[in-house]
Amino acid sequence: MEETTSTRKVILRQIAAADTVQLRHSVLWPDKPASFVLLPEDEAGLHFGAFLADGEHELISVISLFQEPLPDGQDASRSLQHAARFRKFATSPEHQGRGIGTDLLSFAISQVKALWGVQWAWCDARVSAMDWYIKRGMHELGQEGNARFYKEHIPYLKMGKEI
């Protein structure tokens, strides 16, 4: 379950939940204690990382996926489909904009699709990253559009795509 992206010299592979914490914390919630980025369901999920393929194998991007139905408010045909929710997706700032996060997201979704047979991938997306998700084929979830909600002071929307 390892893939090398040769053009970027990155290795994509499954990792332990504990391996995600430092990057989650430093990128997503640096002003909170590290415990803030821990999820009660971490041990039940699958976690993936992107590593530089140099001698150091520095972890530069992480994502965690969980078997979780689409959020409430979906039409009946969608809500019955098996889905994976991805959470705590973070790429170190110095490696953003190079396609590494895109590669990791695609790799992780392909892995859980094969393992779990999911038909949808979805997330709570920061509004500031909404355009990034749209470029990767995602859209707002919900019949009437999606109400903005907040985690701490940061606005989010539910986004997803059929896979």
N, C-alpha and C. Protein backbone atom coordinates (compact mmCIF):
# COMPACT_ATOMS: atom_id res chain seq x y z
N MET A 1 0.83 -1.18 0.00
CA MET A 1 0.00 0.00 0.00
C MET A 1 0.88 1.25 0.00
N GLU A 2 1.99 1.19 -0.65
CA GLU A 2 2.87 2.35 -0.76
C GLU A 2 2.95 2.75 -2.21
N GLU A 3 2.98 4.03 -2.44
CA GLU A 3 3.05 4.55 -3.80
C GLU A 3 4.06 5.67 -3.82
N THR A 4 4.89 5.68 -4.84
CA THR A 4 5.87 6.76 -4.99
C THR A 4 5.42 7.67 -6.11
N THR A 5 5.40 8.95 -5.83
CA THR A 5 5.08 9.95 -6.83
C THR A 5 6.41 10.52 -7.29
N SER A 6 6.96 9.96 -8.35
CA SER A 6 8.34 10.25 -8.74
C SER A 6 8.58 11.70 -9.13
N THR A 7 7.58 12.34 -9.74
CA THR A 7 7.82 13.72 -10.16
C THR A 7 8.02 14.64 -8.97
N ARG A 8 7.47 14.29 -7.84
CA ARG A 8 7.62 15.12 -6.65
C ARG A 8 8.51 14.44 -5.61
N LYS A 9 8.98 13.24 -5.89
CA LYS A 9 9.82 12.48 -4.97
C LYS A 9 9.17 12.38 -3.60
N VAL A 10 7.93 11.85 -3.61
CA VAL A 10 7.14 11.69 -2.40
C VAL A 10 6.68 10.25 -2.30
N ILE A 11 6.68 9.71 -1.09
CA ILE A 11 6.16 8.37 -0.82
C ILE A 11 4.85 8.52 -0.08
N LEU A 12 3.82 7.84 -0.56
CA LEU A 12 2.49 7.86 0.05
C LEU A 12 2.26 6.49 0.67
N ARG A 13 1.85 6.47 1.97
CA ARG A 13 1.60 5.18 2.60
C ARG A 13 0.73 5.34 3.84
N GLN A 14 0.21 4.20 4.29
CA GLN A 14 -0.58 4.19 5.52
C GLN A 14 0.35 4.40 6.70
N ILE A 15 -0.15 5.11 7.71
CA ILE A 15 0.62 5.39 8.92
C ILE A 15 -0.27 5.15 10.15
N ALA A 16 0.34 5.19 11.31
CA ALA A 16 -0.41 5.06 12.56
C ALA A 16 -1.07 6.38 12.92
N ALA A 17 -2.15 6.32 13.67
CA ALA A 17 -2.85 7.52 14.11
C ALA A 17 -1.90 8.46 14.85
N ALA A 18 -1.06 7.93 15.70
CA ALA A 18 -0.13 8.75 16.48
C ALA A 18 0.83 9.54 15.60
N ASP A 19 1.12 9.02 14.42
CA ASP A 19 2.05 9.70 13.51
C ASP A 19 1.45 10.97 12.90
N THR A 20 0.15 11.14 12.99
CA THR A 20 -0.51 12.30 12.39
C THR A 20 -0.51 13.53 13.31
N VAL A 21 -0.32 13.32 14.59
CA VAL A 21 -0.60 14.36 15.58
C VAL A 21 0.25 15.61 15.41
N GLN A 22 1.54 15.47 15.27
CA GLN A 22 2.41 16.65 15.21
C GLN A 22 2.05 17.55 14.04
N LEU A 23 1.84 16.98 12.84
CA LEU A 23 1.51 17.79 11.67
C LEU A 23 0.09 18.36 11.77
N ARG A 24 -0.86 17.57 12.23
CA ARG A 24 -2.21 18.08 12.47
C ARG A 24 -2.15 19.33 13.35
N HIS A 25 -1.41 19.20 14.43
CA HIS A 25 -1.33 20.28 15.41
C HIS A 25 -0.66 21.52 14.83
N SER A 26 0.51 21.35 14.22
CA SER A 26 1.27 22.51 13.75
C SER A 26 0.60 23.23 12.60
N VAL A 27 -0.17 22.52 11.76
CA VAL A 27 -0.80 23.14 10.59
C VAL A 27 -2.22 23.61 10.89
N LEU A 28 -3.02 22.79 11.55
CA LEU A 28 -4.45 23.08 11.70
C LEU A 28 -4.80 23.90 12.93
N TRP A 29 -4.20 23.60 14.04
CA TRP A 29 -4.57 24.25 15.31
C TRP A 29 -3.34 24.56 16.15
N PRO A 30 -2.39 25.33 15.64
CA PRO A 30 -1.15 25.57 16.38
C PRO A 30 -1.34 26.36 17.68
N ASP A 31 -2.46 27.08 17.79
CA ASP A 31 -2.70 27.87 19.00
C ASP A 31 -3.41 27.07 20.10
N LYS A 32 -3.69 25.81 19.85
CA LYS A 32 -4.36 24.93 20.81
C LYS A 32 -3.36 23.89 21.31
N PRO A 33 -3.66 23.23 22.41
CA PRO A 33 -2.78 22.13 22.84
C PRO A 33 -2.86 20.97 21.84
N ALA A 34 -1.83 20.17 21.77
CA ALA A 34 -1.80 19.06 20.81
C ALA A 34 -2.99 18.12 21.00
N SER A 35 -3.47 17.99 22.21
CA SER A 35 -4.62 17.11 22.47
C SER A 35 -5.87 17.55 21.71
N PHE A 36 -5.92 18.80 21.28
CA PHE A 36 -7.08 19.34 20.55
C PHE A 36 -7.27 18.64 19.20
N VAL A 37 -6.20 18.11 18.62
CA VAL A 37 -6.30 17.48 17.30
C VAL A 37 -6.52 15.97 17.38
N LEU A 38 -6.61 15.43 18.58
CA LEU A 38 -6.89 14.01 18.73
C LEU A 38 -8.38 13.77 18.57
N LEU A 39 -8.73 12.68 17.92
CA LEU A 39 -10.13 12.33 17.71
C LEU A 39 -10.44 11.05 18.48
N PRO A 40 -11.60 10.98 19.13
CA PRO A 40 -11.95 9.76 19.86
C PRO A 40 -11.95 8.52 18.96
N GLU A 41 -12.28 8.71 17.68
CA GLU A 41 -12.35 7.58 16.75
C GLU A 41 -11.05 7.31 16.00
N ASP A 42 -9.96 7.98 16.36
CA ASP A 42 -8.69 7.81 15.64
C ASP A 42 -8.28 6.35 15.47
N GLU A 43 -8.44 5.55 16.49
CA GLU A 43 -8.00 4.15 16.40
C GLU A 43 -8.85 3.34 15.43
N ALA A 44 -10.05 3.79 15.13
CA ALA A 44 -10.94 3.07 14.20
C ALA A 44 -10.73 3.50 12.75
N GLY A 45 -9.98 4.56 12.53
CA GLY A 45 -9.79 5.07 11.18
C GLY A 45 -8.56 4.53 10.49
N LEU A 46 -8.40 4.95 9.25
CA LEU A 46 -7.17 4.69 8.50
C LEU A 46 -6.49 6.03 8.28
N HIS A 47 -5.19 6.04 8.42
CA HIS A 47 -4.41 7.26 8.36
C HIS A 47 -3.32 7.09 7.31
N PHE A 48 -3.09 8.16 6.56
CA PHE A 48 -2.12 8.10 5.48
C PHE A 48 -1.21 9.31 5.55
N GLY A 49 0.01 9.12 5.05
CA GLY A 49 0.96 10.22 5.06
C GLY A 49 1.75 10.29 3.78
N ALA A 50 2.23 11.47 3.49
CA ALA A 50 3.15 11.72 2.37
C ALA A 50 4.50 12.06 2.98
N PHE A 51 5.51 11.38 2.52
CA PHE A 51 6.87 11.56 3.02
C PHE A 51 7.79 11.98 1.89
N LEU A 52 8.72 12.86 2.18
CA LEU A 52 9.76 13.16 1.20
C LEU A 52 10.55 11.89 0.96
N ALA A 53 10.88 11.61 -0.27
CA ALA A 53 11.59 10.38 -0.62
C ALA A 53 13.10 10.52 -0.48
N ASP A 54 13.55 11.60 0.15
CA ASP A 54 14.99 11.74 0.39
C ASP A 54 15.40 10.86 1.56
N GLY A 55 16.60 10.96 2.02
CA GLY A 55 17.10 10.12 3.11
C GLY A 55 16.40 10.32 4.43
N GLU A 56 15.82 11.48 4.66
CA GLU A 56 15.19 11.79 5.94
C GLU A 56 13.76 11.25 6.05
N HIS A 57 13.08 11.08 4.93
CA HIS A 57 11.68 10.64 4.89
C HIS A 57 10.80 11.47 5.81
N GLU A 58 10.90 12.79 5.69
CA GLU A 58 10.12 13.72 6.50
C GLU A 58 8.64 13.60 6.14
N LEU A 59 7.78 13.50 7.15
CA LEU A 59 6.34 13.47 6.97
C LEU A 59 5.86 14.89 6.66
N ILE A 60 5.24 15.08 5.49
CA ILE A 60 4.88 16.43 5.06
C ILE A 60 3.38 16.63 4.83
N SER A 61 2.60 15.56 4.86
CA SER A 61 1.16 15.68 4.69
C SER A 61 0.49 14.48 5.33
N VAL A 62 -0.67 14.72 5.98
CA VAL A 62 -1.41 13.64 6.63
C VAL A 62 -2.90 13.79 6.35
N ILE A 63 -3.59 12.66 6.41
CA ILE A 63 -5.05 12.64 6.28
C ILE A 63 -5.56 11.41 7.01
N SER A 64 -6.73 11.53 7.62
CA SER A 64 -7.36 10.43 8.35
C SER A 64 -8.75 10.20 7.78
N LEU A 65 -9.11 8.92 7.58
CA LEU A 65 -10.41 8.58 7.00
C LEU A 65 -11.16 7.62 7.92
N PHE A 66 -12.49 7.80 7.93
CA PHE A 66 -13.36 7.04 8.81
C PHE A 66 -14.60 6.62 8.04
N GLN A 67 -15.09 5.41 8.33
CA GLN A 67 -16.35 4.98 7.73
C GLN A 67 -17.46 5.74 8.44
N GLU A 68 -18.10 6.63 7.72
CA GLU A 68 -19.14 7.46 8.30
C GLU A 68 -20.12 7.85 7.21
N PRO A 69 -21.42 7.67 7.46
CA PRO A 69 -22.41 8.01 6.43
C PRO A 69 -22.36 9.49 6.08
N LEU A 70 -22.91 9.80 4.93
CA LEU A 70 -23.05 11.20 4.54
C LEU A 70 -23.84 11.94 5.61
N PRO A 71 -23.58 13.22 5.77
CA PRO A 71 -24.29 13.98 6.81
C PRO A 71 -25.78 14.06 6.57
N ASP A 72 -26.51 14.30 7.64
CA ASP A 72 -27.97 14.48 7.54
C ASP A 72 -28.29 15.56 6.53
N GLY A 73 -29.47 15.45 5.95
CA GLY A 73 -29.89 16.46 4.99
C GLY A 73 -29.65 16.04 3.55
N GLN A 74 -29.03 14.88 3.34
CA GLN A 74 -28.84 14.39 1.98
C GLN A 74 -30.12 13.72 1.50
N ASP A 75 -30.32 13.67 0.20
CA ASP A 75 -31.50 12.98 -0.30
C ASP A 75 -31.36 11.49 0.00
N ALA A 76 -32.47 10.78 -0.04
CA ALA A 76 -32.49 9.38 0.39
C ALA A 76 -31.51 8.51 -0.38
N SER A 77 -31.38 8.70 -1.68
CA SER A 77 -30.50 7.84 -2.46
C SER A 77 -29.04 8.03 -2.05
N ARG A 78 -28.66 9.24 -1.70
CA ARG A 78 -27.28 9.48 -1.28
C ARG A 78 -27.04 9.00 0.15
N SER A 79 -27.98 9.23 1.04
CA SER A 79 -27.74 8.94 2.45
C SER A 79 -27.59 7.45 2.72
N LEU A 80 -28.10 6.61 1.83
CA LEU A 80 -27.97 5.17 2.02
C LEU A 80 -26.64 4.63 1.48
N GLN A 81 -25.91 5.41 0.77
CA GLN A 81 -24.66 4.94 0.19
C GLN A 81 -23.55 4.95 1.23
N HIS A 82 -22.69 3.98 1.12
CA HIS A 82 -21.56 3.84 2.02
C HIS A 82 -20.56 4.98 1.74
N ALA A 83 -20.10 5.62 2.79
CA ALA A 83 -19.25 6.79 2.61
C ALA A 83 -18.06 6.77 3.56
N ALA A 84 -17.04 7.52 3.18
CA ALA A 84 -15.87 7.73 4.03
C ALA A 84 -15.75 9.23 4.28
N ARG A 85 -15.52 9.57 5.52
CA ARG A 85 -15.30 10.96 5.88
C ARG A 85 -13.81 11.14 6.12
N PHE A 86 -13.23 12.16 5.50
CA PHE A 86 -11.83 12.44 5.81
C PHE A 86 -11.74 13.65 6.70
N ARG A 87 -10.77 13.57 7.61
CA ARG A 87 -10.63 14.60 8.63
C ARG A 87 -9.15 14.87 8.87
N LYS A 88 -8.89 16.01 9.47
CA LYS A 88 -7.53 16.38 9.90
C LYS A 88 -6.53 16.25 8.76
N PHE A 89 -6.90 16.79 7.61
CA PHE A 89 -6.07 16.78 6.41
C PHE A 89 -5.15 17.99 6.49
N ALA A 90 -3.85 17.75 6.53
CA ALA A 90 -2.89 18.84 6.71
C ALA A 90 -1.62 18.59 5.91
N THR A 91 -1.14 19.64 5.27
CA THR A 91 0.14 19.61 4.55
C THR A 91 0.99 20.74 5.10
N SER A 92 2.25 20.44 5.36
CA SER A 92 3.12 21.49 5.92
C SER A 92 3.17 22.67 4.94
N PRO A 93 3.11 23.89 5.46
CA PRO A 93 3.02 25.08 4.60
C PRO A 93 4.12 25.16 3.54
N GLU A 94 5.34 24.75 3.86
CA GLU A 94 6.42 24.85 2.89
C GLU A 94 6.29 23.85 1.73
N HIS A 95 5.35 22.91 1.85
CA HIS A 95 5.15 21.93 0.78
C HIS A 95 3.78 22.07 0.11
N GLN A 96 3.01 23.09 0.49
CA GLN A 96 1.71 23.31 -0.13
C GLN A 96 1.90 23.90 -1.53
N GLY A 97 0.91 23.66 -2.38
CA GLY A 97 0.95 24.19 -3.74
C GLY A 97 1.79 23.38 -4.70
N ARG A 98 2.19 22.18 -4.30
CA ARG A 98 3.03 21.32 -5.15
C ARG A 98 2.32 20.04 -5.59
N GLY A 99 1.04 19.93 -5.25
CA GLY A 99 0.28 18.74 -5.65
C GLY A 99 0.39 17.58 -4.68
N ILE A 100 1.09 17.76 -3.59
CA ILE A 100 1.29 16.66 -2.64
C ILE A 100 -0.01 16.33 -1.92
N GLY A 101 -0.74 17.34 -1.47
CA GLY A 101 -2.03 17.10 -0.83
C GLY A 101 -3.02 16.46 -1.78
N THR A 102 -3.03 16.90 -3.02
CA THR A 102 -3.91 16.31 -4.03
C THR A 102 -3.58 14.83 -4.21
N ASP A 103 -2.29 14.52 -4.33
CA ASP A 103 -1.88 13.12 -4.49
C ASP A 103 -2.25 12.29 -3.28
N LEU A 104 -2.05 12.84 -2.08
CA LEU A 104 -2.37 12.09 -0.87
C LEU A 104 -3.87 11.86 -0.76
N LEU A 105 -4.68 12.87 -1.04
CA LEU A 105 -6.13 12.71 -0.99
C LEU A 105 -6.58 11.64 -1.97
N SER A 106 -6.08 11.67 -3.20
CA SER A 106 -6.45 10.66 -4.21
C SER A 106 -6.03 9.27 -3.78
N PHE A 107 -4.82 9.15 -3.26
CA PHE A 107 -4.31 7.86 -2.80
C PHE A 107 -5.16 7.32 -1.65
N ALA A 108 -5.44 8.16 -0.65
CA ALA A 108 -6.20 7.72 0.51
C ALA A 108 -7.61 7.30 0.11
N ILE A 109 -8.25 8.08 -0.75
CA ILE A 109 -9.60 7.74 -1.19
C ILE A 109 -9.59 6.43 -1.97
N SER A 110 -8.60 6.22 -2.82
CA SER A 110 -8.55 4.96 -3.57
C SER A 110 -8.34 3.77 -2.64
N GLN A 111 -7.56 3.96 -1.58
CA GLN A 111 -7.34 2.87 -0.62
C GLN A 111 -8.62 2.51 0.12
N VAL A 112 -9.35 3.51 0.63
CA VAL A 112 -10.56 3.18 1.38
C VAL A 112 -11.69 2.72 0.46
N LYS A 113 -11.68 3.17 -0.77
CA LYS A 113 -12.68 2.65 -1.72
C LYS A 113 -12.46 1.15 -1.92
N ALA A 114 -11.20 0.75 -2.08
CA ALA A 114 -10.88 -0.67 -2.26
C ALA A 114 -11.15 -1.49 -0.99
N LEU A 115 -10.80 -0.94 0.16
CA LEU A 115 -10.94 -1.68 1.42
C LEU A 115 -12.37 -1.70 1.95
N TRP A 116 -13.05 -0.58 1.86
CA TRP A 116 -14.37 -0.43 2.47
C TRP A 116 -15.51 -0.44 1.46
N GLY A 117 -15.22 -0.31 0.19
CA GLY A 117 -16.27 -0.26 -0.81
C GLY A 117 -17.12 1.00 -0.77
N VAL A 118 -16.52 2.09 -0.34
CA VAL A 118 -17.27 3.34 -0.22
C VAL A 118 -17.60 3.92 -1.59
N GLN A 119 -18.69 4.67 -1.64
CA GLN A 119 -19.13 5.30 -2.87
C GLN A 119 -19.01 6.82 -2.81
N TRP A 120 -18.80 7.35 -1.62
CA TRP A 120 -18.68 8.79 -1.43
C TRP A 120 -17.53 9.09 -0.49
N ALA A 121 -16.91 10.25 -0.70
CA ALA A 121 -15.93 10.80 0.23
C ALA A 121 -16.42 12.19 0.59
N TRP A 122 -16.35 12.54 1.86
CA TRP A 122 -16.82 13.85 2.29
C TRP A 122 -16.00 14.35 3.46
N CYS A 123 -16.15 15.65 3.72
CA CYS A 123 -15.40 16.28 4.80
C CYS A 123 -16.10 17.55 5.27
N ASP A 124 -15.65 18.04 6.40
CA ASP A 124 -15.96 19.39 6.84
C ASP A 124 -14.81 20.24 6.33
N ALA A 125 -15.05 21.04 5.31
CA ALA A 125 -13.99 21.82 4.66
C ALA A 125 -13.96 23.24 5.21
N ARG A 126 -12.79 23.72 5.49
CA ARG A 126 -12.66 25.12 5.86
C ARG A 126 -13.07 25.95 4.64
N VAL A 127 -13.86 26.98 4.88
CA VAL A 127 -14.30 27.85 3.79
C VAL A 127 -13.10 28.41 3.03
N SER A 128 -12.02 28.69 3.73
CA SER A 128 -10.81 29.22 3.08
C SER A 128 -10.21 28.24 2.08
N ALA A 129 -10.54 26.94 2.18
CA ALA A 129 -10.02 25.93 1.27
C ALA A 129 -11.07 25.43 0.27
N MET A 130 -12.23 26.05 0.26
CA MET A 130 -13.34 25.59 -0.56
C MET A 130 -12.97 25.50 -2.05
N ASP A 131 -12.30 26.49 -2.59
CA ASP A 131 -11.92 26.46 -4.00
C ASP A 131 -10.99 25.29 -4.30
N TRP A 132 -10.11 24.96 -3.36
CA TRP A 132 -9.18 23.83 -3.53
C TRP A 132 -9.99 22.55 -3.69
N TYR A 133 -11.00 22.35 -2.85
CA TYR A 133 -11.83 21.14 -2.93
C TYR A 133 -12.67 21.12 -4.21
N ILE A 134 -13.19 22.26 -4.61
CA ILE A 134 -13.98 22.33 -5.85
C ILE A 134 -13.11 21.91 -7.05
N LYS A 135 -11.87 22.35 -7.09
CA LYS A 135 -10.96 21.97 -8.19
C LYS A 135 -10.70 20.48 -8.21
N ARG A 136 -10.94 19.79 -7.12
CA ARG A 136 -10.73 18.35 -7.03
C ARG A 136 -12.05 17.58 -7.13
N GLY A 137 -13.07 18.25 -7.67
CA GLY A 137 -14.33 17.58 -7.98
C GLY A 137 -15.34 17.53 -6.85
N MET A 138 -15.10 18.22 -5.78
CA MET A 138 -16.04 18.20 -4.66
C MET A 138 -17.05 19.34 -4.80
N HIS A 139 -18.16 19.16 -4.12
CA HIS A 139 -19.19 20.20 -4.10
C HIS A 139 -19.80 20.24 -2.70
N GLU A 140 -20.51 21.34 -2.45
CA GLU A 140 -21.20 21.46 -1.17
C GLU A 140 -22.26 20.39 -1.07
N LEU A 141 -22.40 19.82 0.10
CA LEU A 141 -23.42 18.81 0.33
C LEU A 141 -24.67 19.46 0.90
N GLY A 142 -25.80 18.90 0.56
CA GLY A 142 -27.07 19.43 1.04
C GLY A 142 -27.95 19.83 -0.12
N GLN A 143 -29.25 19.68 0.07
CA GLN A 143 -30.19 19.96 -1.02
C GLN A 143 -30.32 21.45 -1.30
N GLU A 144 -30.26 22.26 -0.31
CA GLU A 144 -30.46 23.70 -0.49
C GLU A 144 -29.16 24.47 -0.33
N GLY A 145 -28.06 23.85 -0.66
CA GLY A 145 -26.79 24.48 -0.35
C GLY A 145 -26.44 24.12 1.08
N ASN A 146 -25.40 24.63 1.55
CA ASN A 146 -24.90 24.18 2.84
C ASN A 146 -24.69 25.36 3.76
N ALA A 147 -25.28 25.30 4.92
CA ALA A 147 -25.10 26.37 5.89
C ALA A 147 -23.68 26.34 6.43
N ARG A 148 -23.13 27.49 6.58
CA ARG A 148 -21.81 27.62 7.17
C ARG A 148 -21.92 27.30 8.66
N PHE A 149 -20.92 26.65 9.19
CA PHE A 149 -20.86 26.42 10.63
C PHE A 149 -19.43 26.69 11.07
N TYR A 150 -19.23 26.76 12.37
CA TYR A 150 -17.92 27.16 12.89
C TYR A 150 -17.38 26.11 13.85
N LYS A 151 -16.08 25.92 13.76
CA LYS A 151 -15.32 25.17 14.76
C LYS A 151 -14.36 26.20 15.32
N GLU A 152 -14.56 26.48 16.59
CA GLU A 152 -13.85 27.61 17.21
C GLU A 152 -14.24 28.85 16.40
N HIS A 153 -13.32 29.57 15.83
CA HIS A 153 -13.61 30.80 15.08
C HIS A 153 -13.51 30.61 13.56
N ILE A 154 -13.35 29.37 13.11
CA ILE A 154 -13.09 29.10 11.69
C ILE A 154 -14.36 28.59 11.00
N PRO A 155 -14.77 29.23 9.89
CA PRO A 155 -15.97 28.79 9.17
C PRO A 155 -15.70 27.55 8.30
N TYR A 156 -16.70 26.65 8.28
CA TYR A 156 -16.63 25.39 7.54
C TYR A 156 -17.89 25.18 6.73
N LEU A 157 -17.78 24.30 5.72
CA LEU A 157 -18.90 23.78 4.94
C LEU A 157 -18.71 22.28 4.76
N LYS A 158 -19.79 21.55 4.64
CA LYS A 158 -19.69 20.11 4.34
C LYS A 158 -19.56 19.98 2.82
N MET A 159 -18.52 19.25 2.39
CA MET A 159 -18.27 19.04 0.96
C MET A 159 -17.98 17.57 0.70
N GLY A 160 -18.27 17.12 -0.51
CA GLY A 160 -18.00 15.73 -0.84
C GLY A 160 -18.10 15.47 -2.33
N LYS A 161 -17.86 14.21 -2.67
CA LYS A 161 -17.99 13.79 -4.08
C LYS A 161 -18.20 12.29 -4.14
N GLU A 162 -18.87 11.88 -5.20
CA GLU A 162 -19.03 10.46 -5.47
C GLU A 162 -17.70 9.95 -6.02
N ILE A 163 -17.32 8.76 -5.59
CA ILE A 163 -16.02 8.21 -6.04
C ILE A 163 -16.19 6.87 -6.74
